[in-house]
Protein backbone atom coordinates (compact mmCIF):
# COMPACT_ATOMS: atom_id res chain seq x y z
CA MET A 1 -9.19 -44.90 23.73
CA ASN A 2 -8.29 -41.23 24.28
CA LEU A 3 -5.28 -40.82 26.59
CA LEU A 4 -3.67 -37.69 28.03
CA ILE A 5 0.04 -38.02 28.93
CA VAL A 6 1.59 -35.47 31.28
CA THR A 7 5.31 -35.67 32.11
CA ALA A 8 6.94 -33.46 34.76
CA CYS A 9 10.60 -33.89 35.68
CA PRO A 10 11.68 -30.38 36.76
CA ASN A 11 15.33 -31.35 37.28
CA GLY A 12 15.59 -33.33 34.07
CA GLN A 13 13.78 -31.88 31.07
CA VAL A 14 15.45 -34.49 28.88
CA THR A 15 13.71 -37.19 30.93
CA SER A 16 10.36 -35.44 30.57
CA VAL A 17 10.63 -35.28 26.79
CA LEU A 18 11.98 -38.83 26.54
CA CYS A 19 9.09 -40.22 28.63
CA SER A 20 6.50 -38.36 26.62
CA ARG A 21 7.87 -39.54 23.26
CA LEU A 22 8.23 -43.19 24.25
CA LEU A 23 4.82 -43.38 25.92
CA GLN A 24 3.15 -41.63 22.99
CA ALA A 25 4.74 -44.08 20.54
CA ALA A 26 3.66 -47.05 22.67
CA ALA A 27 0.10 -45.72 22.89
CA GLU A 28 -0.07 -45.28 19.12
CA ARG A 29 1.05 -48.90 18.63
CA LEU A 30 -1.90 -49.87 20.81
CA GLY A 31 -4.20 -47.86 18.55
CA TRP A 32 -4.96 -45.19 21.14
CA GLN A 33 -5.36 -41.46 20.55
CA THR A 34 -3.03 -39.31 22.65
CA ARG A 35 -2.41 -35.74 23.70
CA VAL A 36 0.89 -34.91 25.42
CA GLU A 37 1.94 -32.15 27.79
CA VAL A 38 5.54 -31.76 28.95
CA TYR A 39 4.82 -29.76 32.08
CA ASP A 40 7.18 -26.97 33.09
CA ALA A 41 6.64 -24.29 35.70
CA ARG A 42 8.13 -21.74 33.30
CA ALA A 43 5.39 -22.50 30.75
CA ILE A 44 7.68 -24.18 28.23
CA GLY A 45 5.60 -26.40 25.95
CA SER A 46 1.91 -26.59 25.04
CA PRO A 47 -0.45 -27.04 28.02
CA LEU A 48 -3.54 -29.21 27.63
CA SER A 49 -6.76 -27.32 26.98
CA ALA A 50 -9.93 -27.75 28.99
CA ALA A 51 -11.62 -29.33 25.95
CA GLU A 52 -8.83 -31.93 25.59
CA ILE A 53 -9.07 -32.82 29.29
CA ALA A 54 -12.86 -33.15 29.08
CA ALA A 55 -12.63 -35.45 26.04
CA ALA A 56 -10.02 -37.79 27.57
CA ASP A 57 -10.89 -41.28 28.81
CA TRP A 58 -8.06 -41.23 31.36
CA VAL A 59 -4.89 -39.36 32.30
CA LEU A 60 -1.36 -40.67 32.87
CA VAL A 61 0.95 -38.46 34.95
CA VAL A 62 4.66 -39.34 34.96
CA ARG A 63 6.48 -37.08 37.38
CA THR A 64 9.40 -36.68 39.77
CA GLY A 65 8.38 -33.40 41.36
CA ASP A 66 5.36 -31.43 42.53
CA LEU A 67 2.56 -30.99 40.01
CA PRO A 68 -0.88 -29.39 40.47
CA LEU A 69 -3.56 -31.90 39.46
CA GLN A 70 -6.80 -30.12 40.39
CA ARG A 71 -7.68 -29.65 36.71
CA PHE A 72 -8.03 -33.44 36.37
CA ALA A 73 -10.59 -33.77 39.20
CA GLY A 74 -13.13 -36.45 38.32
CA LYS A 75 -11.05 -37.98 35.50
CA ARG A 76 -9.57 -41.46 35.74
CA LEU A 77 -5.91 -40.83 36.57
CA LEU A 78 -2.75 -42.77 37.38
CA GLN A 79 0.56 -41.37 38.66
CA ALA A 80 3.91 -43.09 38.07
CA SER A 81 7.66 -42.44 38.04
CA PRO A 82 9.80 -42.43 34.86
CA ALA A 83 11.50 -45.65 35.94
CA GLU A 84 8.13 -47.48 36.10
CA ALA A 85 6.89 -46.05 32.82
CA LEU A 86 10.01 -46.71 30.75
CA ALA A 87 10.71 -50.30 31.81
CA ASP A 88 8.22 -51.56 29.20
CA PRO A 89 6.01 -48.70 27.96
CA GLN A 90 3.47 -50.76 26.03
CA ARG A 91 2.80 -53.25 28.82
CA PHE A 92 2.85 -50.43 31.37
CA LEU A 93 0.14 -48.53 29.47
CA ARG A 94 -2.15 -51.58 29.30
CA GLU A 95 -1.80 -52.15 33.05
CA ALA A 96 -2.11 -48.44 33.86
CA ALA A 97 -5.38 -48.17 31.94
CA GLU A 98 -6.85 -50.84 34.24
CA ARG A 99 -5.41 -49.34 37.44
CA ALA A 100 -6.44 -45.70 36.80
CA GLU A 101 -9.04 -44.40 39.26
CA PRO A 102 -11.12 -41.21 39.43
CA TYR A 103 -8.98 -38.44 40.89
CA GLN A 104 -10.29 -36.58 43.92
CA ALA A 105 -8.85 -33.08 44.26
CA THR A 106 -9.18 -33.22 48.03
CA THR A 107 -6.49 -35.91 48.23
CA GLU A 108 -3.89 -33.42 47.05
CA SER A 109 -4.31 -31.29 50.16
CA SER A 110 -4.24 -34.23 52.54
CA THR A 111 -0.65 -33.96 53.70
CA ALA A 112 -0.93 -35.06 57.32
CA GLY A 113 2.05 -37.14 58.23
CA THR A 114 3.91 -36.32 55.00
CA ARG A 115 7.67 -36.34 55.37
CA ARG A 116 9.30 -33.27 53.85
CA LEU A 117 12.85 -32.62 52.71
CA VAL A 118 14.63 -29.85 50.88
CA ALA A 119 17.91 -30.56 49.12
CA ILE A 120 20.78 -28.94 47.24
CA THR A 121 22.89 -30.78 44.69
CA ALA A 122 26.20 -29.39 43.41
CA CYS A 123 29.22 -30.99 41.74
CA PRO A 124 32.56 -29.43 40.75
CA THR A 125 31.75 -28.96 37.06
CA GLY A 126 28.02 -28.38 37.58
CA VAL A 127 27.17 -30.23 34.38
CA ALA A 128 26.09 -33.82 34.98
CA HIS A 129 26.29 -35.10 38.56
CA THR A 130 24.38 -32.07 39.84
CA PHE A 131 21.28 -32.79 37.75
CA MET A 132 21.50 -36.59 37.69
CA ALA A 133 21.66 -36.71 41.50
CA ALA A 134 18.70 -34.32 41.74
CA GLU A 135 16.58 -36.45 39.44
CA ALA A 136 17.52 -39.68 41.20
CA LEU A 137 16.49 -38.14 44.53
CA GLN A 138 13.21 -36.88 43.06
CA GLN A 139 12.33 -40.30 41.69
CA ALA A 140 13.20 -42.02 44.96
CA ALA A 141 11.15 -39.47 46.90
CA THR A 142 8.12 -40.06 44.68
CA ARG A 143 8.34 -43.82 45.25
CA ALA A 144 8.74 -43.36 49.01
CA GLY A 145 5.99 -40.77 49.39
CA ILE A 146 8.43 -38.09 50.56
CA GLU A 147 7.76 -34.46 49.63
CA LEU A 148 11.05 -33.21 48.20
CA GLN A 149 12.18 -29.96 46.65
CA VAL A 150 15.66 -29.90 45.11
CA GLU A 151 17.76 -26.85 44.28
CA THR A 152 20.45 -27.52 41.68
CA ARG A 153 23.58 -25.39 41.72
CA GLY A 154 25.09 -26.14 38.33
CA SER A 155 27.31 -24.37 35.86
CA VAL A 156 24.38 -22.16 34.78
CA GLY A 157 23.69 -21.02 38.34
CA ALA A 158 21.05 -22.01 40.84
CA ARG A 159 17.78 -23.50 39.56
CA ASN A 160 14.55 -24.31 41.43
CA LEU A 161 15.61 -22.04 44.29
CA LEU A 162 14.40 -23.09 47.73
CA ASP A 163 12.09 -20.49 49.23
CA GLU A 164 11.83 -19.66 52.92
CA ALA A 165 8.48 -21.41 53.28
CA ALA A 166 9.80 -24.70 51.86
CA ILE A 167 12.86 -24.57 54.11
CA ALA A 168 10.75 -23.79 57.19
CA ALA A 169 8.33 -26.66 56.47
CA ALA A 170 11.07 -29.23 55.82
CA ASP A 171 11.91 -31.88 58.40
CA ALA A 172 15.57 -31.79 57.32
CA VAL A 173 17.96 -30.38 54.73
CA LEU A 174 19.94 -32.69 52.45
CA LEU A 175 23.18 -31.26 51.05
CA ALA A 176 24.32 -33.64 48.28
CA THR A 177 27.32 -31.55 47.31
CA ASP A 178 30.93 -32.13 46.31
CA ILE A 179 31.80 -28.45 46.86
CA GLU A 180 31.08 -25.94 49.60
CA VAL A 181 27.73 -24.11 49.39
CA ASP A 182 26.30 -21.29 51.50
CA THR A 183 24.34 -22.78 54.40
CA SER A 184 23.44 -19.58 56.28
CA ARG A 185 19.77 -19.80 55.28
CA PHE A 186 19.47 -23.21 57.00
CA ALA A 187 20.25 -21.87 60.47
CA GLY A 188 18.27 -23.85 63.04
CA LYS A 189 17.48 -26.70 60.63
CA LYS A 190 18.75 -30.27 60.77
CA VAL A 191 21.26 -30.95 57.98
CA TYR A 192 22.59 -34.12 56.41
CA ARG A 193 25.62 -34.02 54.09
CA CYS A 194 26.78 -36.44 51.41
CA GLY A 195 28.35 -36.36 47.97
CA THR A 196 26.48 -36.31 44.66
CA GLY A 197 27.85 -39.76 43.84
CA VAL A 198 26.26 -41.25 46.96
CA ALA A 199 22.94 -39.55 46.22
CA LEU A 200 23.03 -40.76 42.61
CA LYS A 201 23.83 -44.39 43.38
CA GLN A 202 21.83 -44.77 46.62
CA PRO A 203 19.00 -42.21 46.44
CA GLN A 204 16.49 -44.14 48.58
CA GLN A 205 19.00 -44.81 51.37
CA THR A 206 20.22 -41.20 51.19
CA LEU A 207 16.72 -39.83 51.73
CA GLU A 208 16.11 -42.14 54.70
CA ARG A 209 19.45 -41.20 56.25
CA ALA A 210 18.68 -37.52 55.76
CA LEU A 211 15.43 -37.91 57.64
CA ASN A 212 16.84 -40.11 60.40
CA GLU A 213 20.45 -38.94 60.84
CA ALA A 214 20.34 -35.18 60.13
CA ARG A 215 21.81 -33.00 62.86
CA PRO A 216 21.46 -29.29 63.69
CA LEU A 217 23.55 -27.16 61.33
CA SER A 218 25.96 -25.89 64.02
CA GLU A 219 26.61 -29.43 65.25
CA ALA A 220 26.99 -30.76 61.70
CA ALA A 221 29.50 -28.03 60.90
CA SER A 222 31.59 -28.64 64.03
CA GLY A 223 31.78 -32.36 63.39
CA GLU A 224 31.89 -32.18 59.64
CA GLY A 225 34.99 -34.31 59.23
CA GLN A 226 33.66 -37.18 61.33
CA ALA A 227 30.20 -37.01 59.77
CA ALA A 228 31.59 -36.95 56.26
CA ALA A 229 33.74 -39.96 56.95
CA SER A 230 30.80 -41.95 58.26
CA GLN A 231 28.59 -40.98 55.32
CA GLY A 232 31.08 -41.73 52.56
CA GLU A 233 31.48 -38.07 51.58
CA LYS A 234 34.79 -36.72 50.32
CA SER A 235 35.83 -33.90 52.67
CA GLY A 236 38.82 -31.94 53.91
CA PRO A 237 41.52 -30.90 51.42
CA TYR A 238 39.89 -32.84 48.57
CA LYS A 239 36.63 -30.95 48.90
CA HIS A 240 38.40 -27.60 49.22
CA LEU A 241 40.41 -28.35 46.06
CA LEU A 242 37.25 -29.28 44.13
CA THR A 243 35.58 -26.06 45.25
CA GLY A 244 38.46 -24.08 43.79
CA VAL A 245 38.42 -26.11 40.60
CA SER A 246 34.66 -25.62 40.18
CA TYR A 247 35.01 -21.83 40.24
CA MET A 248 38.10 -21.92 38.03
CA LEU A 249 36.62 -24.06 35.25
CA PRO A 250 34.36 -21.40 33.65
CA MET A 251 37.40 -19.11 33.45
CA VAL A 252 39.48 -21.83 31.80
CA VAL A 253 36.74 -22.90 29.39
CA ALA A 254 36.00 -19.32 28.31
CA GLY A 255 39.69 -18.47 27.96
CA GLY A 256 40.54 -21.70 26.14
CA LEU A 257 37.74 -21.30 23.63
CA LEU A 258 38.67 -17.66 22.98
CA ILE A 259 42.27 -18.68 22.36
CA ALA A 260 41.04 -21.43 20.02
CA LEU A 261 38.89 -18.88 18.16
CA SER A 262 41.93 -16.66 17.67
CA PHE A 263 43.56 -19.56 15.81
CA VAL A 264 40.76 -19.47 13.23
CA PHE A 265 42.63 -16.63 11.59
CA GLY A 266 45.92 -18.57 11.64
CA ILE A 267 48.12 -20.09 14.31
CA GLU A 268 50.26 -16.93 14.61
CA ALA A 269 47.69 -14.33 13.50
CA PHE A 270 47.39 -13.00 17.07
CA LYS A 271 50.96 -11.67 16.91
CA GLU A 272 49.82 -8.82 14.64
CA GLU A 273 48.75 -6.00 16.93
CA GLY A 274 45.36 -4.42 16.34
CA THR A 275 43.84 -7.46 14.62
CA PHE A 276 40.73 -9.26 15.77
CA ALA A 277 42.82 -12.38 16.44
CA ALA A 278 45.07 -10.34 18.74
CA ALA A 279 42.00 -9.06 20.61
CA LEU A 280 40.70 -12.60 21.12
CA MET A 281 44.10 -13.73 22.41
CA GLN A 282 44.25 -10.74 24.74
CA ILE A 283 40.85 -11.58 26.23
CA GLY A 284 41.43 -15.31 26.46
CA GLY A 285 45.16 -15.67 27.09
CA ASP A 286 46.12 -12.40 28.75
CA ALA A 287 42.99 -11.91 30.86
CA ALA A 288 41.05 -15.15 31.42
CA PHE A 289 44.07 -17.43 31.79
CA LYS A 290 45.85 -14.97 34.10
CA LEU A 291 42.79 -14.99 36.37
CA MET A 292 42.70 -18.80 36.40
CA VAL A 293 45.23 -19.33 39.19
CA PRO A 294 44.02 -16.46 41.46
CA VAL A 295 40.43 -17.74 41.21
CA LEU A 296 41.58 -21.30 41.96
CA ALA A 297 43.56 -20.21 45.02
CA GLY A 298 40.91 -17.74 46.18
CA TYR A 299 38.08 -20.26 46.24
CA ILE A 300 40.19 -22.99 47.84
CA ALA A 301 40.75 -20.49 50.66
CA TYR A 302 37.06 -19.52 50.57
CA SER A 303 36.08 -23.17 51.01
CA ILE A 304 38.37 -23.45 54.06
CA ALA A 305 37.77 -20.12 55.81
CA ASP A 306 34.65 -18.70 54.16
CA ARG A 307 34.67 -15.07 52.93
CA PRO A 308 37.66 -13.87 55.02
CA GLY A 309 39.86 -16.34 53.13
CA LEU A 310 38.91 -15.12 49.65
CA ALA A 311 41.15 -12.03 49.45
CA PRO A 312 44.30 -13.72 50.87
CA GLY A 313 43.75 -16.67 48.56
CA MET A 314 43.45 -14.54 45.43
CA ILE A 315 46.49 -12.48 46.43
CA GLY A 316 48.47 -15.69 46.94
CA GLY A 317 47.26 -17.04 43.61
CA LEU A 318 48.28 -13.85 41.80
CA LEU A 319 51.72 -14.09 43.41
CA ALA A 320 51.96 -17.73 42.30
CA GLY A 321 51.33 -16.64 38.72
CA SER A 322 53.85 -13.81 38.83
CA LEU A 323 56.49 -16.06 40.44
CA GLY A 324 56.05 -18.71 37.74
CA ALA A 325 54.64 -21.27 40.19
CA GLY A 326 51.52 -21.73 38.05
CA PHE A 327 48.56 -23.84 39.07
CA ILE A 328 50.60 -25.93 41.53
CA GLY A 329 51.64 -22.75 43.33
CA GLY A 330 48.04 -21.57 43.22
CA ILE A 331 46.88 -24.72 45.00
CA VAL A 332 49.57 -24.29 47.67
CA ALA A 333 48.70 -20.59 48.07
CA GLY A 334 45.01 -21.40 48.46
CA PHE A 335 45.62 -23.85 51.26
CA ILE A 336 48.08 -21.54 53.03
CA ALA A 337 45.65 -18.62 52.84
CA GLY A 338 42.64 -20.69 53.88
CA TYR A 339 44.18 -22.38 56.87
CA SER A 340 45.97 -19.22 58.06
CA ALA A 341 42.73 -17.25 57.83
CA ARG A 342 40.87 -19.93 59.75
CA ALA A 343 43.59 -20.07 62.42
CA ILE A 344 43.54 -16.29 62.83
CA ALA A 345 39.74 -16.32 63.14
CA ARG A 346 39.92 -19.02 65.80
CA TRP A 347 42.89 -17.89 67.90
CA VAL A 348 43.04 -14.09 67.67
CA ARG A 349 40.89 -12.68 70.43
CA LEU A 350 39.74 -9.06 70.37
CA PRO A 351 37.51 -6.98 72.61
CA GLU A 352 33.87 -7.41 71.71
CA SER A 353 33.71 -3.84 70.43
CA LEU A 354 36.43 -4.67 67.85
CA GLU A 355 35.26 -8.18 66.94
CA ALA A 356 33.39 -6.87 63.88
CA LEU A 357 36.74 -5.76 62.41
CA LYS A 358 38.11 -9.30 62.21
CA PRO A 359 36.46 -10.50 58.96
CA ILE A 360 36.99 -7.24 57.05
CA LEU A 361 40.36 -6.05 58.41
CA ILE A 362 42.30 -8.28 60.78
CA ILE A 363 41.91 -11.65 59.03
CA PRO A 364 42.44 -10.43 55.42
CA LEU A 365 45.44 -8.32 56.49
CA LEU A 366 47.27 -10.93 58.54
CA ALA A 367 46.37 -13.88 56.29
CA SER A 368 47.46 -11.96 53.17
CA LEU A 369 50.73 -11.04 54.88
CA VAL A 370 51.43 -14.64 55.94
CA THR A 371 50.47 -16.04 52.53
CA GLY A 372 52.41 -13.45 50.56
CA LEU A 373 55.61 -13.78 52.59
CA LEU A 374 55.53 -17.58 52.43
CA MET A 375 54.92 -17.52 48.69
CA ILE A 376 57.75 -15.04 48.02
CA TYR A 377 60.40 -16.37 50.38
CA VAL A 378 59.56 -20.05 50.86
CA VAL A 379 57.14 -21.61 48.38
CA GLY A 380 57.33 -19.69 45.11
CA THR A 381 60.81 -20.53 43.82
CA PRO A 382 60.80 -24.30 44.56
CA VAL A 383 57.29 -24.77 43.17
CA ALA A 384 58.16 -22.74 40.07
CA GLY A 385 61.12 -25.07 39.55
CA VAL A 386 58.88 -28.12 39.89
CA LEU A 387 56.40 -26.72 37.38
CA GLN A 388 59.13 -25.82 34.90
CA SER A 389 60.62 -29.31 35.21
CA LEU A 390 57.20 -30.86 34.66
CA THR A 391 56.59 -28.66 31.61
CA ARG A 392 60.01 -29.48 30.14
CA PHE A 393 59.41 -33.17 30.73
CA LEU A 394 56.04 -33.06 28.98
CA ASP A 395 57.45 -31.09 26.05
CA SER A 396 60.44 -33.40 25.62
CA MET A 397 58.72 -36.74 26.15
CA GLY A 398 59.68 -39.54 23.83
CA SER A 399 56.96 -41.54 22.14
CA THR A 400 57.03 -44.30 24.78
CA ASN A 401 56.60 -41.90 27.74
CA ALA A 402 53.92 -39.95 25.86
CA ILE A 403 51.96 -43.13 25.15
CA LEU A 404 52.19 -44.20 28.80
CA LEU A 405 51.03 -40.78 30.04
CA GLY A 406 48.17 -40.74 27.53
CA ALA A 407 47.08 -44.23 28.55
CA LEU A 408 47.19 -43.23 32.22
CA LEU A 409 45.14 -40.05 31.72
CA GLY A 410 42.64 -41.76 29.39
CA GLY A 411 42.20 -44.67 31.79
CA MET A 412 41.77 -42.37 34.81
CA MET A 413 38.96 -40.55 33.03
CA CYS A 414 37.06 -43.85 32.84
CA VAL A 415 37.58 -45.21 36.35
CA ASP A 416 34.79 -43.41 38.20
CA LEU A 417 33.07 -41.35 35.48
CA GLY A 418 33.13 -37.88 36.99
CA GLY A 419 34.36 -38.95 40.41
CA PRO A 420 37.61 -38.05 42.25
CA ILE A 421 39.99 -39.93 39.91
CA ASN A 422 38.31 -38.52 36.80
CA LYS A 423 38.44 -34.99 38.24
CA ALA A 424 42.09 -35.39 39.25
CA ALA A 425 43.12 -36.26 35.68
CA TYR A 426 41.04 -33.41 34.27
CA ALA A 427 42.32 -30.82 36.77
CA PHE A 428 45.92 -31.87 36.03
CA SER A 429 45.42 -31.39 32.29
CA VAL A 430 43.56 -28.09 32.70
CA GLY A 431 46.32 -26.72 34.91
CA LEU A 432 48.91 -27.45 32.22
CA LEU A 433 47.05 -25.30 29.68
CA ALA A 434 48.39 -22.17 31.37
CA SER A 435 51.90 -23.52 30.71
CA SER A 436 51.08 -24.07 27.01
CA SER A 437 51.13 -27.87 27.41
CA TYR A 438 48.16 -28.90 25.26
CA ALA A 439 48.77 -32.61 24.57
CA PRO A 440 47.56 -33.93 27.98
CA MET A 441 44.31 -32.00 27.56
CA ALA A 442 43.67 -33.71 24.22
CA ALA A 443 44.26 -37.18 25.68
CA THR A 444 42.12 -36.43 28.73
CA MET A 445 39.11 -35.15 26.80
CA ALA A 446 39.30 -37.95 24.25
CA GLY A 447 39.49 -40.60 26.98
CA GLY A 448 36.55 -39.06 28.86
CA MET A 449 34.35 -39.26 25.77
CA VAL A 450 34.84 -43.01 25.34
CA PRO A 451 32.57 -44.60 28.02
CA PRO A 452 29.22 -43.00 27.05
CA ILE A 453 29.88 -43.33 23.30
CA ALA A 454 30.86 -46.97 23.83
CA MET A 455 27.67 -47.71 25.77
CA ALA A 456 25.66 -46.37 22.83
CA ILE A 457 27.64 -48.66 20.51
CA ALA A 458 27.13 -51.68 22.78
CA THR A 459 23.35 -51.18 22.93
CA VAL A 460 23.30 -51.33 19.13
CA LEU A 461 25.68 -54.28 18.69
CA ALA A 462 24.08 -56.43 21.41
CA ARG A 463 20.57 -55.04 21.24
CA ARG A 464 18.84 -58.10 22.64
CA LYS A 465 21.01 -58.11 25.75
CA PHE A 466 19.62 -54.74 26.88
CA ALA A 467 16.18 -53.80 28.18
CA GLN A 468 14.34 -51.16 26.21
CA SER A 469 15.00 -48.54 28.89
CA GLU A 470 18.74 -49.30 28.58
CA ARG A 471 18.62 -48.97 24.81
CA GLN A 472 17.00 -45.55 25.19
CA ALA A 473 19.60 -44.60 27.80
CA GLY A 474 22.27 -45.68 25.31
CA LYS A 475 21.05 -43.11 22.79
CA ALA A 476 21.22 -40.35 25.40
CA ALA A 477 24.66 -41.56 26.50
CA GLY A 478 25.98 -41.28 22.96
CA VAL A 479 24.93 -37.63 22.74
CA LEU A 480 26.46 -36.89 26.14
CA GLY A 481 29.67 -38.60 25.07
CA LEU A 482 29.96 -36.38 22.01
CA CYS A 483 29.72 -33.41 24.40
CA PHE A 484 32.48 -34.79 26.67
CA ILE A 485 30.15 -35.65 29.55
CA SER A 486 31.56 -38.91 30.93
CA GLU A 487 28.67 -39.21 33.38
CA GLY A 488 26.43 -40.38 30.53
CA ALA A 489 27.74 -43.91 31.18
CA ILE A 490 26.84 -43.87 34.88
CA PRO A 491 23.46 -45.67 34.51
CA PHE A 492 25.30 -48.60 32.89
CA ALA A 493 28.21 -48.54 35.34
CA ALA A 494 25.87 -48.43 38.34
CA ARG A 495 24.00 -51.49 37.10
CA ASP A 496 26.98 -53.55 35.91
CA PRO A 497 30.19 -52.01 37.32
CA LEU A 498 32.40 -55.12 37.13
CA ARG A 499 32.02 -55.25 33.35
CA VAL A 500 31.41 -51.63 32.34
CA ILE A 501 34.31 -50.02 34.22
CA PRO A 502 37.12 -52.40 33.10
CA ALA A 503 35.87 -52.26 29.51
CA SER A 504 35.74 -48.46 29.70
CA ILE A 505 39.26 -48.22 31.15
CA ALA A 506 40.60 -50.36 28.29
CA GLY A 507 39.03 -48.13 25.65
CA GLY A 508 39.92 -44.88 27.43
CA ALA A 509 43.55 -45.94 27.84
CA LEU A 510 43.78 -46.87 24.15
CA THR A 511 42.29 -43.54 23.11
CA GLY A 512 44.58 -41.53 25.39
CA ALA A 513 47.64 -43.45 24.22
CA LEU A 514 46.77 -42.97 20.55
CA SER A 515 46.09 -39.28 21.07
CA MET A 516 49.54 -38.76 22.59
CA TYR A 517 51.19 -41.00 19.97
CA PHE A 518 49.64 -38.95 17.18
CA GLY A 519 50.86 -35.75 18.85
CA CYS A 520 47.37 -34.26 19.18
CA LYS A 521 47.17 -30.94 21.01
CA LEU A 522 43.89 -29.39 22.16
CA MET A 523 43.63 -25.69 22.95
CA ALA A 524 40.12 -25.79 24.49
CA PRO A 525 39.42 -27.63 27.75
CA HIS A 526 35.80 -28.63 27.03
CA GLY A 527 33.25 -29.01 24.27
CA GLY A 528 33.79 -32.56 23.03
CA LEU A 529 33.69 -33.11 19.31
CA PHE A 530 32.05 -29.73 18.79
CA VAL A 531 35.45 -28.11 19.41
CA LEU A 532 36.49 -29.57 16.06
CA LEU A 533 34.20 -27.04 14.40
CA ILE A 534 36.72 -24.35 15.41
CA PRO A 535 39.55 -24.35 12.86
CA ASN A 536 42.99 -24.98 14.41
CA ALA A 537 41.52 -25.66 17.87
CA ILE A 538 43.18 -29.07 17.60
CA ASN A 539 45.94 -30.25 15.32
CA HIS A 540 45.69 -33.61 13.54
CA ALA A 541 41.89 -33.56 13.79
CA ALA A 542 41.44 -36.70 11.68
CA LEU A 543 43.89 -38.69 13.80
CA TYR A 544 42.20 -37.36 16.95
CA LEU A 545 38.85 -38.66 15.69
CA LEU A 546 40.51 -41.98 14.86
CA ALA A 547 41.76 -42.29 18.45
CA ILE A 548 38.26 -41.65 19.85
CA VAL A 549 36.64 -44.09 17.42
CA ALA A 550 39.23 -46.79 18.17
CA GLY A 551 38.77 -46.57 21.94
CA SER A 552 34.99 -46.36 21.71
CA LEU A 553 34.80 -49.39 19.44
CA LEU A 554 37.10 -51.38 21.72
CA THR A 555 34.96 -50.67 24.78
CA GLY A 556 31.66 -51.03 22.91
CA VAL A 557 32.55 -54.36 21.30
CA LEU A 558 34.14 -55.68 24.51
CA TYR A 559 31.12 -54.83 26.63
CA ALA A 560 28.71 -56.17 24.02
CA LEU A 561 30.56 -59.51 24.22
CA ILE A 562 30.80 -59.80 28.01
CA LYS A 563 27.40 -58.26 28.86
CA GLN A 564 24.97 -60.75 30.38
CA PRO A 565 21.46 -60.67 28.85
CA ASP A 566 18.97 -58.70 30.89
CA ALA A 567 16.84 -60.90 33.09
CA GLN A 568 13.71 -58.88 32.40
CA PRO A 569 11.77 -59.58 29.22
CA LEU A 570 12.31 -57.10 26.45
CA ALA A 571 9.51 -54.90 25.29
CA VAL A 572 7.26 -56.22 22.55
CA GLU A 573 8.17 -54.36 19.39
CA ALA A 574 5.94 -53.49 16.52
CA GLN A 575 6.77 -55.31 13.31
């Protein structure tokens, strides 16, 4: 039998490739001939030729997004989602071959009664939750017959941008975001807001709520706090803080890695003026790290008061840095600037002819004045004292206190896998980098790597307890874990939270405690094990690896022991 396999997951290219490889392998075990196309609108990959389509007996399309199918008119064709195809690829192919029916091109244009949604997903780091939530929504929309287009606003910028036609045709707009995003283009549309975690764990329910509970944008904005509370979305100060952190992270990552690269030439090589190491330190430490706090404060204020809050926030953040108040002062400055700017915008009334001056003159001037005076005369000195005390405490910790702090940070990284507790531990450690406290960052990153690596270990140790799709997810989780993407363990935690999360906390706490006990210090705030390729980026590299291995093995072995066998039959494997 000659089979054509087309996979199209625009918000998850890894899923597209994974589906194509597994289905191709299953087809070959059945003795079928296959041709594969990983479809991408940007023409990445090898498209099927007209001759290959003509020679095919039938076509299998596995997709989560829109895909033109006119070229397959008249061929026997079956469409499915990745979840259906990967549950048991070999059995699925046998059943799909019987269910495939001749494709009529006219059915593609028959959209009467189709429900349409457009969505945006965005998380603070823009690495994992953004894209995982988008893919979960796409898969749920395919199963429910909902036409969905998702724009992802990740760390690499916006992808799959929503055009005006798609927005105009949509019945509602779904904003699955943990940070503030620009909503001006959705004026007049009904909007539903939730967090990426909700969209990831309950995609079907989220889509239905978006269609049934969306409200006009102006109404949704005015009652945002109440709506967010009813929909399980984190809002208010928490969301404003995460918005600031999301804009600060690229600055910290770039600066931290540049500082780490300067250590390649020796720990103190940057002290020699005119050397390349000194230039790297100047870019990373003197420029990027000095911008860290102003950017944090500026975008906290931006989240609260929109553009008029940006300038006062950055000015307050710069003052926090110069006063020695550090990242804690930056957070305080951001909230002062944001709420003062919003109050001025709401309560200062001007003649209509002067109203246009408010966002560009009145609000920035008055909010900057209020923020600056409060930082200089009220906030700066006490907060600087708090930060200095915290830094001294961290630097002078005995082994017992260090172990307890490491266990706490490592455990927090494993509680919700990219959620509020995880982000709180990470933001705390990142903030301390500007104060040259590097040990908490090492414990935090090591602890965050444990859950996905451990899930990969568990799927190997207790192979028969996992379905084939879980074993494949375990391989992907291991890679994500090596890159310090804790969210790689989410598929396992969502399915079995009462076992996965406690086991992960145990391993993360052990890793964090060992990292602090060994005195490991990490100069770079991201990168996972690949940071070890930079000489001197971390001290005691071998002991750091030992801490990660110990925690991962503890969680992996523990979960392999307590995991209940999957109720579904495992895939038949070729001997």
